[in-house]
Amino acid sequence: MVTVIKKGTDRISIQKALESISTRKGMNAFKYCGKVKLEKEPLTIQKNLRNEWE
């Protein structure tokens, strides 16, 4: 969502516009930390993916 604030808008109007924006809850990424088991080192996988063009 985009909120347009024009030059010269007073502080009260800006605060009302920012308060009217609904916030979404984010995802807890730490819940999945360490869950993926890799057979190779990540850097080796990355280099292999980049060299697929050749």
C-alpha atoms as a PDB file:
ATOM      1  CA  MET A   1       0.000   0.000   0.000  1.00  0.00           C
ATOM      2  CA  VAL A   2       1.210   3.471  -0.821  1.00  0.00           C
ATOM      3  CA  THR A   3       0.449   6.620   1.121  1.00  0.00           C
ATOM      4  CA  VAL A   4       1.098   9.870  -0.685  1.00  0.00           C
ATOM      5  CA  ILE A   5       2.146  12.777   1.511  1.00  0.00           C
ATOM      6  CA  LYS A   6       2.315  16.089  -0.299  1.00  0.00           C
ATOM      7  CA  LYS A   7       4.715  18.871   0.501  1.00  0.00           C
ATOM      8  CA  GLY A   8       3.300  21.237   3.083  1.00  0.00           C
ATOM      9  CA  THR A   9       1.070  18.670   4.793  1.00  0.00           C
ATOM     10  CA  ASP A  10       0.831  19.297   8.527  1.00  0.00           C
ATOM     11  CA  ARG A  11       2.066  16.812  11.098  1.00  0.00           C
ATOM     12  CA  ILE A  12      -1.403  15.866  12.380  1.00  0.00           C
ATOM     13  CA  SER A  13      -2.585  14.866   8.894  1.00  0.00           C
ATOM     14  CA  ILE A  14       0.541  12.757   8.391  1.00  0.00           C
ATOM     15  CA  GLN A  15       0.012  10.966  11.717  1.00  0.00           C
ATOM     16  CA  LYS A  16      -3.644  10.242  10.861  1.00  0.00           C
ATOM     17  CA  ALA A  17      -2.647   8.854   7.451  1.00  0.00           C
ATOM     18  CA  LEU A  18       0.000   6.594   8.999  1.00  0.00           C
ATOM     19  CA  GLU A  19      -2.369   5.359  11.723  1.00  0.00           C
ATOM     20  CA  SER A  20      -5.026   4.462   9.164  1.00  0.00           C
ATOM     21  CA  ILE A  21      -2.696   1.980   7.468  1.00  0.00           C
ATOM     22  CA  SER A  22      -3.447  -1.536   8.609  1.00  0.00           C
ATOM     23  CA  THR A  23      -0.416  -3.564   9.586  1.00  0.00           C
ATOM     24  CA  ARG A  24      -0.010  -7.225   8.767  1.00  0.00           C
ATOM     25  CA  LYS A  25       1.600  -9.726  11.026  1.00  0.00           C
ATOM     26  CA  GLY A  26       4.822 -11.052   9.621  1.00  0.00           C
ATOM     27  CA  MET A  27       6.080 -14.579   9.331  1.00  0.00           C
ATOM     28  CA  ASN A  28       8.402 -15.989  11.960  1.00  0.00           C
ATOM     29  CA  ALA A  29      11.389 -16.996   9.811  1.00  0.00           C
ATOM     30  CA  PHE A  30      13.348 -18.276  12.815  1.00  0.00           C
ATOM     31  CA  LYS A  31      10.840 -21.116  13.068  1.00  0.00           C
ATOM     32  CA  TYR A  32      12.413 -22.670   9.955  1.00  0.00           C
ATOM     33  CA  CYS A  33      16.041 -21.883  10.809  1.00  0.00           C
ATOM     34  CA  GLY A  34      18.241 -24.973  10.435  1.00  0.00           C
ATOM     35  CA  LYS A  35      15.459 -27.201   9.036  1.00  0.00           C
ATOM     36  CA  VAL A  36      16.931 -27.690   5.550  1.00  0.00           C
ATOM     37  CA  LYS A  37      19.586 -30.374   5.348  1.00  0.00           C
ATOM     38  CA  LEU A  38      22.032 -29.787   2.507  1.00  0.00           C
ATOM     39  CA  GLU A  39      24.233 -32.470   0.980  1.00  0.00           C
ATOM     40  CA  LYS A  40      26.800 -29.937  -0.280  1.00  0.00           C
ATOM     41  CA  GLU A  41      28.172 -26.638   0.941  1.00  0.00           C
ATOM     42  CA  PRO A  42      25.963 -23.665  -0.015  1.00  0.00           C
ATOM     43  CA  LEU A  43      28.783 -21.922  -1.885  1.00  0.00           C
ATOM     44  CA  THR A  44      29.391 -25.042  -4.005  1.00  0.00           C
ATOM     45  CA  ILE A  45      25.685 -25.241  -4.849  1.00  0.00           C
ATOM     46  CA  GLN A  46      25.654 -21.560  -5.809  1.00  0.00           C
ATOM     47  CA  LYS A  47      28.702 -21.922  -8.085  1.00  0.00           C
ATOM     48  CA  ASN A  48      27.168 -24.970  -9.798  1.00  0.00           C
ATOM     49  CA  LEU A  49      23.913 -23.105 -10.418  1.00  0.00           C
ATOM     50  CA  ARG A  50      25.776 -20.146 -11.915  1.00  0.00           C
ATOM     51  CA  ASN A  51      27.859 -22.404 -14.176  1.00  0.00           C
ATOM     52  CA  GLU A  52      24.820 -24.172 -15.648  1.00  0.00           C
ATOM     53  CA  TRP A  53      24.894 -21.721 -18.563  1.00  0.00           C
ATOM     54  CA  GLU A  54      28.115 -23.136 -19.925  1.00  0.00           C
END
